[in-house]
Amino acid sequence: MKNVLIIFAMLFLQVGVTAQENVPESVQKSLKAKYSSAEYIDWIVSDNYIATFWLGDFYLEAIFTKTGEWLETSTVLDESNLSDALTEEITKAVGEYYITYVIKVDKNDGSSVYVIDLSTDEDNFQVTASMEGKVLKKEVIEYAEVEEEGDGF
């Protein structure tokens, strides 16, 4: 879960955080209408408006169009939220694994999927799965290695 928060923090640095007063009132109202209990709201402006916030114990990222239409919301979850059926399907697809993070993505068409980053001894994967516990997509992902600066010795 800590890794996911770091990933979201990195998004802030890449895209840029904007003050709430720079977000149109219609977009802010749409967020409050959908998530009235949202706290600690930050905004990222790209082609759309992305609100990152806490809703109780959950960290969410909701995307809105410039007119305030809600597009999707990503919720960071603990791996304990995955069903036994899904964890068995993932094991069949990749073998033994370690989960880096789990995100549930709810879309404006009413559909939802899990996006799960996981690692095996050989590879890193991103698995997209249905809410019913079926693996829909599995792809190998590469993480950029961070070089540490040495002291010249």
N, C-alpha and C. Protein backbone atom coordinates (compact mmCIF):
# COMPACT_ATOMS: atom_id res chain seq x y z
N MET A 1 0.83 -1.18 0.00
CA MET A 1 0.00 0.00 0.00
C MET A 1 0.88 1.25 0.00
N LYS A 2 2.00 1.20 0.72
CA LYS A 2 2.92 2.33 0.75
C LYS A 2 3.44 2.62 -0.65
N ASN A 3 3.70 1.55 -1.43
CA ASN A 3 4.19 1.73 -2.80
C ASN A 3 3.18 2.47 -3.66
N VAL A 4 1.90 2.19 -3.45
CA VAL A 4 0.86 2.84 -4.24
C VAL A 4 0.82 4.33 -3.93
N LEU A 5 0.93 4.68 -2.67
CA LEU A 5 0.93 6.08 -2.30
C LEU A 5 2.13 6.79 -2.90
N ILE A 6 3.26 6.11 -2.96
CA ILE A 6 4.45 6.69 -3.59
C ILE A 6 4.20 6.91 -5.08
N ILE A 7 3.56 5.95 -5.73
CA ILE A 7 3.26 6.07 -7.15
C ILE A 7 2.36 7.28 -7.40
N PHE A 8 1.29 7.42 -6.56
CA PHE A 8 0.42 8.57 -6.73
C PHE A 8 1.16 9.87 -6.45
N ALA A 9 2.05 9.87 -5.47
CA ALA A 9 2.84 11.07 -5.18
C ALA A 9 3.72 11.44 -6.37
N MET A 10 4.27 10.42 -7.04
CA MET A 10 5.09 10.68 -8.22
C MET A 10 4.26 11.30 -9.33
N LEU A 11 2.99 10.90 -9.45
CA LEU A 11 2.11 11.50 -10.45
C LEU A 11 1.98 13.00 -10.20
N PHE A 12 1.86 13.39 -8.93
CA PHE A 12 1.77 14.81 -8.61
C PHE A 12 2.98 15.55 -9.13
N LEU A 13 4.16 14.98 -8.96
CA LEU A 13 5.38 15.66 -9.37
C LEU A 13 5.48 15.76 -10.89
N GLN A 14 4.98 14.74 -11.60
CA GLN A 14 5.09 14.73 -13.05
C GLN A 14 4.07 15.65 -13.71
N VAL A 15 2.84 15.66 -13.21
CA VAL A 15 1.77 16.40 -13.85
C VAL A 15 1.61 17.79 -13.23
N GLY A 16 1.78 17.88 -11.96
CA GLY A 16 1.63 19.16 -11.27
C GLY A 16 0.32 19.25 -10.54
N VAL A 17 0.39 19.70 -9.32
CA VAL A 17 -0.81 19.87 -8.52
C VAL A 17 -1.27 21.32 -8.65
N THR A 18 -2.55 21.52 -8.71
CA THR A 18 -3.08 22.87 -8.81
C THR A 18 -3.91 23.18 -7.59
N ALA A 19 -4.02 24.41 -7.25
CA ALA A 19 -4.85 24.83 -6.13
C ALA A 19 -6.32 24.63 -6.49
N GLN A 20 -7.13 24.35 -5.47
CA GLN A 20 -8.54 24.08 -5.71
C GLN A 20 -9.24 25.26 -6.37
N GLU A 21 -8.78 26.47 -6.10
CA GLU A 21 -9.45 27.63 -6.69
C GLU A 21 -9.25 27.71 -8.20
N ASN A 22 -8.31 26.95 -8.77
CA ASN A 22 -8.11 26.92 -10.22
C ASN A 22 -9.00 25.88 -10.90
N VAL A 23 -9.75 25.12 -10.11
CA VAL A 23 -10.64 24.08 -10.65
C VAL A 23 -12.03 24.69 -10.79
N PRO A 24 -12.64 24.57 -11.97
CA PRO A 24 -13.98 25.16 -12.16
C PRO A 24 -14.97 24.68 -11.10
N GLU A 25 -15.87 25.55 -10.75
CA GLU A 25 -16.90 25.26 -9.74
C GLU A 25 -17.72 24.02 -10.13
N SER A 26 -18.01 23.87 -11.43
CA SER A 26 -18.81 22.73 -11.89
C SER A 26 -18.10 21.41 -11.61
N VAL A 27 -16.78 21.39 -11.74
CA VAL A 27 -16.00 20.18 -11.48
C VAL A 27 -15.97 19.90 -9.98
N GLN A 28 -15.76 20.95 -9.18
CA GLN A 28 -15.76 20.77 -7.72
C GLN A 28 -17.11 20.29 -7.22
N LYS A 29 -18.20 20.82 -7.79
CA LYS A 29 -19.55 20.39 -7.39
C LYS A 29 -19.79 18.93 -7.77
N SER A 30 -19.29 18.53 -8.93
CA SER A 30 -19.45 17.13 -9.35
C SER A 30 -18.74 16.19 -8.38
N LEU A 31 -17.54 16.58 -7.94
CA LEU A 31 -16.83 15.76 -6.97
C LEU A 31 -17.62 15.66 -5.67
N LYS A 32 -18.09 16.78 -5.16
CA LYS A 32 -18.84 16.79 -3.90
C LYS A 32 -20.16 16.03 -4.03
N ALA A 33 -20.80 16.09 -5.21
CA ALA A 33 -22.05 15.36 -5.41
C ALA A 33 -21.80 13.85 -5.38
N LYS A 34 -20.69 13.43 -5.96
CA LYS A 34 -20.39 12.00 -6.03
C LYS A 34 -19.76 11.50 -4.73
N TYR A 35 -18.91 12.31 -4.12
CA TYR A 35 -18.17 11.92 -2.91
C TYR A 35 -18.29 13.02 -1.87
N SER A 36 -19.45 13.11 -1.25
CA SER A 36 -19.71 14.21 -0.31
C SER A 36 -18.80 14.18 0.92
N SER A 37 -18.26 13.01 1.25
CA SER A 37 -17.40 12.90 2.43
C SER A 37 -15.92 12.97 2.10
N ALA A 38 -15.58 13.37 0.88
CA ALA A 38 -14.17 13.43 0.47
C ALA A 38 -13.41 14.41 1.34
N GLU A 39 -12.19 13.99 1.74
CA GLU A 39 -11.34 14.85 2.56
C GLU A 39 -9.95 14.94 1.95
N TYR A 40 -9.24 16.00 2.29
CA TYR A 40 -7.86 16.21 1.86
C TYR A 40 -7.75 16.13 0.33
N ILE A 41 -8.56 16.92 -0.33
CA ILE A 41 -8.66 16.89 -1.79
C ILE A 41 -7.52 17.68 -2.41
N ASP A 42 -6.85 17.06 -3.36
CA ASP A 42 -5.86 17.74 -4.20
C ASP A 42 -6.27 17.54 -5.65
N TRP A 43 -5.90 18.46 -6.49
CA TRP A 43 -6.27 18.41 -7.90
C TRP A 43 -5.03 18.36 -8.78
N ILE A 44 -5.14 17.59 -9.83
CA ILE A 44 -4.14 17.54 -10.89
C ILE A 44 -4.86 17.94 -12.17
N VAL A 45 -4.27 18.85 -12.91
CA VAL A 45 -4.89 19.29 -14.16
C VAL A 45 -4.07 18.74 -15.31
N SER A 46 -4.74 17.99 -16.17
CA SER A 46 -4.13 17.50 -17.41
C SER A 46 -5.17 17.77 -18.48
N ASP A 47 -5.47 16.80 -19.32
CA ASP A 47 -6.56 16.98 -20.27
C ASP A 47 -7.90 17.02 -19.54
N ASN A 48 -7.93 16.43 -18.35
CA ASN A 48 -9.11 16.40 -17.48
C ASN A 48 -8.69 16.91 -16.11
N TYR A 49 -9.63 16.89 -15.18
CA TYR A 49 -9.35 17.24 -13.79
C TYR A 49 -9.33 15.94 -12.98
N ILE A 50 -8.25 15.75 -12.25
CA ILE A 50 -8.08 14.54 -11.45
C ILE A 50 -8.04 14.95 -9.99
N ALA A 51 -9.01 14.45 -9.23
CA ALA A 51 -9.06 14.73 -7.80
C ALA A 51 -8.50 13.53 -7.06
N THR A 52 -7.54 13.78 -6.18
CA THR A 52 -7.05 12.73 -5.30
C THR A 52 -7.51 13.10 -3.89
N PHE A 53 -8.00 12.11 -3.16
CA PHE A 53 -8.60 12.42 -1.86
C PHE A 53 -8.76 11.15 -1.02
N TRP A 54 -9.11 11.37 0.22
CA TRP A 54 -9.41 10.28 1.13
C TRP A 54 -10.91 10.22 1.35
N LEU A 55 -11.44 9.02 1.37
CA LEU A 55 -12.84 8.77 1.69
C LEU A 55 -12.83 7.71 2.78
N GLY A 56 -12.93 8.16 4.01
CA GLY A 56 -12.75 7.24 5.13
C GLY A 56 -11.32 6.73 5.15
N ASP A 57 -11.16 5.41 5.13
CA ASP A 57 -9.83 4.80 5.15
C ASP A 57 -9.26 4.56 3.76
N PHE A 58 -9.98 4.97 2.73
CA PHE A 58 -9.56 4.66 1.36
C PHE A 58 -9.02 5.89 0.65
N TYR A 59 -7.98 5.66 -0.15
CA TYR A 59 -7.37 6.70 -0.98
C TYR A 59 -7.92 6.53 -2.39
N LEU A 60 -8.48 7.59 -2.96
CA LEU A 60 -9.12 7.53 -4.27
C LEU A 60 -8.57 8.58 -5.20
N GLU A 61 -8.75 8.31 -6.50
CA GLU A 61 -8.41 9.24 -7.56
C GLU A 61 -9.59 9.23 -8.53
N ALA A 62 -10.27 10.36 -8.66
CA ALA A 62 -11.44 10.47 -9.54
C ALA A 62 -11.11 11.41 -10.68
N ILE A 63 -11.52 11.03 -11.89
CA ILE A 63 -11.24 11.82 -13.08
C ILE A 63 -12.55 12.42 -13.59
N PHE A 64 -12.50 13.73 -13.84
CA PHE A 64 -13.65 14.48 -14.35
C PHE A 64 -13.24 15.22 -15.62
N THR A 65 -14.20 15.39 -16.53
CA THR A 65 -13.94 16.20 -17.72
C THR A 65 -13.94 17.67 -17.31
N LYS A 66 -13.58 18.52 -18.24
CA LYS A 66 -13.55 19.96 -17.97
C LYS A 66 -14.95 20.52 -17.71
N THR A 67 -16.00 19.77 -18.12
CA THR A 67 -17.37 20.20 -17.86
C THR A 67 -17.93 19.60 -16.58
N GLY A 68 -17.14 18.77 -15.90
CA GLY A 68 -17.58 18.19 -14.64
C GLY A 68 -18.15 16.79 -14.75
N GLU A 69 -18.13 16.20 -15.94
CA GLU A 69 -18.64 14.82 -16.07
C GLU A 69 -17.63 13.86 -15.45
N TRP A 70 -18.12 12.98 -14.57
CA TRP A 70 -17.28 11.97 -13.94
C TRP A 70 -16.96 10.87 -14.96
N LEU A 71 -15.67 10.50 -15.07
CA LEU A 71 -15.25 9.46 -16.00
C LEU A 71 -14.94 8.15 -15.30
N GLU A 72 -14.11 8.20 -14.25
CA GLU A 72 -13.78 6.99 -13.52
C GLU A 72 -13.14 7.33 -12.19
N THR A 73 -13.14 6.34 -11.31
CA THR A 73 -12.50 6.47 -10.01
C THR A 73 -11.66 5.24 -9.74
N SER A 74 -10.44 5.48 -9.27
CA SER A 74 -9.55 4.41 -8.86
C SER A 74 -9.44 4.45 -7.34
N THR A 75 -9.61 3.27 -6.72
CA THR A 75 -9.55 3.15 -5.26
C THR A 75 -8.43 2.20 -4.91
N VAL A 76 -7.53 2.63 -4.05
CA VAL A 76 -6.45 1.77 -3.59
C VAL A 76 -7.02 0.82 -2.54
N LEU A 77 -6.81 -0.48 -2.76
CA LEU A 77 -7.33 -1.50 -1.85
C LEU A 77 -6.20 -2.34 -1.30
N ASP A 78 -6.49 -3.04 -0.25
CA ASP A 78 -5.57 -4.03 0.30
C ASP A 78 -5.83 -5.35 -0.43
N GLU A 79 -4.80 -6.17 -0.56
CA GLU A 79 -4.98 -7.44 -1.28
C GLU A 79 -6.01 -8.34 -0.61
N SER A 80 -6.31 -8.11 0.66
CA SER A 80 -7.33 -8.92 1.33
C SER A 80 -8.72 -8.69 0.75
N ASN A 81 -8.89 -7.63 -0.06
CA ASN A 81 -10.17 -7.37 -0.72
C ASN A 81 -10.42 -8.27 -1.92
N LEU A 82 -9.38 -8.97 -2.38
CA LEU A 82 -9.53 -9.86 -3.53
C LEU A 82 -10.15 -11.19 -3.07
N SER A 83 -11.02 -11.71 -3.91
CA SER A 83 -11.67 -12.98 -3.59
C SER A 83 -10.69 -14.14 -3.71
N ASP A 84 -10.99 -15.23 -3.04
CA ASP A 84 -10.17 -16.44 -3.15
C ASP A 84 -10.16 -16.94 -4.59
N ALA A 85 -11.31 -16.83 -5.27
CA ALA A 85 -11.39 -17.28 -6.66
C ALA A 85 -10.42 -16.49 -7.54
N LEU A 86 -10.34 -15.19 -7.31
CA LEU A 86 -9.44 -14.36 -8.12
C LEU A 86 -7.98 -14.68 -7.80
N THR A 87 -7.64 -14.84 -6.54
CA THR A 87 -6.25 -15.15 -6.22
C THR A 87 -5.84 -16.50 -6.81
N GLU A 88 -6.77 -17.45 -6.87
CA GLU A 88 -6.49 -18.74 -7.52
C GLU A 88 -6.28 -18.56 -9.02
N GLU A 89 -7.09 -17.72 -9.66
CA GLU A 89 -6.94 -17.44 -11.10
C GLU A 89 -5.59 -16.79 -11.39
N ILE A 90 -5.18 -15.86 -10.53
CA ILE A 90 -3.89 -15.20 -10.73
C ILE A 90 -2.76 -16.21 -10.58
N THR A 91 -2.87 -17.10 -9.60
CA THR A 91 -1.85 -18.13 -9.41
C THR A 91 -1.75 -19.02 -10.65
N LYS A 92 -2.89 -19.34 -11.24
CA LYS A 92 -2.88 -20.14 -12.48
C LYS A 92 -2.21 -19.38 -13.62
N ALA A 93 -2.41 -18.07 -13.65
CA ALA A 93 -1.89 -17.26 -14.75
C ALA A 93 -0.39 -16.97 -14.62
N VAL A 94 0.11 -16.77 -13.39
CA VAL A 94 1.50 -16.35 -13.25
C VAL A 94 2.34 -17.20 -12.30
N GLY A 95 1.73 -18.10 -11.56
CA GLY A 95 2.47 -18.88 -10.56
C GLY A 95 2.47 -18.16 -9.23
N GLU A 96 3.42 -18.49 -8.37
CA GLU A 96 3.49 -17.83 -7.07
C GLU A 96 3.90 -16.38 -7.25
N TYR A 97 3.30 -15.49 -6.47
CA TYR A 97 3.50 -14.07 -6.68
C TYR A 97 3.43 -13.30 -5.38
N TYR A 98 3.88 -12.05 -5.44
CA TYR A 98 3.78 -11.08 -4.36
C TYR A 98 3.06 -9.86 -4.94
N ILE A 99 2.01 -9.41 -4.28
CA ILE A 99 1.24 -8.26 -4.76
C ILE A 99 1.90 -6.96 -4.32
N THR A 100 2.12 -6.07 -5.29
CA THR A 100 2.65 -4.74 -5.01
C THR A 100 1.51 -3.80 -4.64
N TYR A 101 0.46 -3.78 -5.45
CA TYR A 101 -0.72 -2.99 -5.12
C TYR A 101 -1.94 -3.49 -5.87
N VAL A 102 -3.13 -3.11 -5.32
CA VAL A 102 -4.42 -3.44 -5.91
C VAL A 102 -5.21 -2.15 -6.03
N ILE A 103 -5.74 -1.92 -7.22
CA ILE A 103 -6.60 -0.76 -7.45
C ILE A 103 -7.89 -1.25 -8.08
N LYS A 104 -9.00 -0.78 -7.55
CA LYS A 104 -10.31 -1.05 -8.16
C LYS A 104 -10.67 0.18 -8.99
N VAL A 105 -10.99 -0.03 -10.26
CA VAL A 105 -11.34 1.07 -11.15
C VAL A 105 -12.83 0.96 -11.49
N ASP A 106 -13.59 1.99 -11.09
CA ASP A 106 -15.01 2.08 -11.41
C ASP A 106 -15.15 3.08 -12.54
N LYS A 107 -15.83 2.65 -13.62
CA LYS A 107 -15.97 3.51 -14.80
C LYS A 107 -17.39 4.03 -14.94
N ASN A 108 -17.55 5.12 -15.70
CA ASN A 108 -18.86 5.76 -15.82
C ASN A 108 -19.87 4.94 -16.62
N ASP A 109 -19.42 3.86 -17.25
CA ASP A 109 -20.38 2.99 -17.94
C ASP A 109 -20.93 1.92 -17.01
N GLY A 110 -20.56 1.98 -15.72
CA GLY A 110 -21.07 1.03 -14.74
C GLY A 110 -20.17 -0.17 -14.53
N SER A 111 -19.13 -0.31 -15.32
CA SER A 111 -18.24 -1.46 -15.18
C SER A 111 -17.14 -1.16 -14.15
N SER A 112 -16.58 -2.22 -13.61
CA SER A 112 -15.48 -2.11 -12.65
C SER A 112 -14.49 -3.23 -12.91
N VAL A 113 -13.22 -2.95 -12.69
CA VAL A 113 -12.17 -3.96 -12.81
C VAL A 113 -11.16 -3.74 -11.69
N TYR A 114 -10.40 -4.79 -11.43
CA TYR A 114 -9.24 -4.67 -10.56
C TYR A 114 -8.01 -4.54 -11.44
N VAL A 115 -7.08 -3.68 -11.05
CA VAL A 115 -5.77 -3.60 -11.69
C VAL A 115 -4.78 -3.95 -10.58
N ILE A 116 -4.03 -5.02 -10.81
CA ILE A 116 -3.16 -5.56 -9.77
C ILE A 116 -1.74 -5.62 -10.30
N ASP A 117 -0.83 -4.97 -9.60
CA ASP A 117 0.59 -5.10 -9.92
C ASP A 117 1.16 -6.16 -8.99
N LEU A 118 1.90 -7.09 -9.58
CA LEU A 118 2.45 -8.18 -8.78
C LEU A 118 3.78 -8.62 -9.36
N SER A 119 4.53 -9.32 -8.54
CA SER A 119 5.85 -9.80 -8.95
C SER A 119 5.98 -11.28 -8.67
N THR A 120 6.70 -11.95 -9.56
CA THR A 120 7.13 -13.32 -9.33
C THR A 120 8.64 -13.28 -9.19
N ASP A 121 9.26 -14.44 -9.06
CA ASP A 121 10.73 -14.46 -9.00
C ASP A 121 11.36 -13.99 -10.30
N GLU A 122 10.64 -14.14 -11.43
CA GLU A 122 11.21 -13.81 -12.73
C GLU A 122 10.75 -12.48 -13.31
N ASP A 123 9.49 -12.10 -13.10
CA ASP A 123 8.92 -10.95 -13.79
C ASP A 123 8.02 -10.12 -12.90
N ASN A 124 7.69 -8.94 -13.41
CA ASN A 124 6.67 -8.07 -12.81
C ASN A 124 5.50 -8.05 -13.78
N PHE A 125 4.29 -8.12 -13.24
CA PHE A 125 3.09 -8.18 -14.07
C PHE A 125 2.08 -7.13 -13.62
N GLN A 126 1.26 -6.73 -14.59
CA GLN A 126 0.05 -5.99 -14.27
C GLN A 126 -1.10 -6.86 -14.78
N VAL A 127 -1.98 -7.21 -13.88
CA VAL A 127 -3.11 -8.07 -14.20
C VAL A 127 -4.38 -7.24 -14.07
N THR A 128 -5.23 -7.31 -15.08
CA THR A 128 -6.55 -6.70 -15.01
C THR A 128 -7.54 -7.84 -14.86
N ALA A 129 -8.42 -7.72 -13.87
CA ALA A 129 -9.35 -8.81 -13.57
C ALA A 129 -10.76 -8.27 -13.40
N SER A 130 -11.72 -9.11 -13.71
CA SER A 130 -13.12 -8.74 -13.54
C SER A 130 -13.50 -8.83 -12.07
N MET A 131 -14.60 -8.21 -11.73
CA MET A 131 -15.09 -8.28 -10.36
C MET A 131 -15.55 -9.70 -10.02
N GLU A 132 -15.81 -10.50 -11.04
CA GLU A 132 -16.24 -11.87 -10.83
C GLU A 132 -15.06 -12.82 -10.60
N GLY A 133 -13.85 -12.30 -10.70
CA GLY A 133 -12.69 -13.12 -10.40
C GLY A 133 -12.01 -13.75 -11.60
N LYS A 134 -12.20 -13.21 -12.78
CA LYS A 134 -11.56 -13.72 -13.99
C LYS A 134 -10.44 -12.80 -14.43
N VAL A 135 -9.30 -13.38 -14.77
CA VAL A 135 -8.19 -12.60 -15.30
C VAL A 135 -8.53 -12.21 -16.74
N LEU A 136 -8.59 -10.92 -17.01
CA LEU A 136 -8.94 -10.41 -18.34
C LEU A 136 -7.70 -10.11 -19.18
N LYS A 137 -6.64 -9.68 -18.51
CA LYS A 137 -5.43 -9.28 -19.22
C LYS A 137 -4.24 -9.45 -18.28
N LYS A 138 -3.13 -9.90 -18.84
CA LYS A 138 -1.89 -10.04 -18.07
C LYS A 138 -0.77 -9.54 -18.95
N GLU A 139 0.01 -8.60 -18.43
CA GLU A 139 1.14 -8.11 -19.21
C GLU A 139 2.35 -7.94 -18.32
N VAL A 140 3.51 -8.21 -18.89
CA VAL A 140 4.77 -8.01 -18.19
C VAL A 140 5.06 -6.52 -18.19
N ILE A 141 5.48 -6.01 -17.04
CA ILE A 141 5.82 -4.59 -16.96
C ILE A 141 7.27 -4.45 -16.52
N GLU A 142 7.88 -3.40 -16.99
CA GLU A 142 9.27 -3.10 -16.64
C GLU A 142 9.28 -1.88 -15.74
N TYR A 143 9.99 -1.97 -14.66
CA TYR A 143 10.17 -0.81 -13.80
C TYR A 143 11.51 -0.19 -14.12
N ALA A 144 11.54 1.12 -14.18
CA ALA A 144 12.80 1.82 -14.42
C ALA A 144 13.66 1.68 -13.17
N GLU A 145 14.90 1.34 -13.37
CA GLU A 145 15.80 1.21 -12.24
C GLU A 145 16.33 2.57 -11.87
N VAL A 146 16.40 2.80 -10.59
CA VAL A 146 16.91 4.06 -10.08
C VAL A 146 18.36 3.86 -9.69
N GLU A 147 19.22 4.65 -10.31
CA GLU A 147 20.64 4.56 -9.98
C GLU A 147 20.93 5.45 -8.79
N GLU A 148 21.64 4.89 -7.83
CA GLU A 148 22.03 5.68 -6.68
C GLU A 148 23.34 6.36 -6.98
N GLU A 149 23.41 7.61 -6.58
CA GLU A 149 24.66 8.34 -6.79
C GLU A 149 25.66 7.89 -5.77
N GLY A 150 26.82 7.53 -6.23
CA GLY A 150 27.87 7.10 -5.31
C GLY A 150 28.70 8.28 -4.85
N ASP A 151 29.58 7.99 -3.94
CA ASP A 151 30.44 9.06 -3.44
C ASP A 151 31.80 9.04 -4.11
N GLY A 152 31.88 8.31 -5.22
CA GLY A 152 33.11 8.30 -6.01
C GLY A 152 34.15 7.29 -5.60
N PHE A 153 33.84 6.47 -4.63
CA PHE A 153 34.82 5.46 -4.19
C PHE A 153 34.60 4.14 -4.85
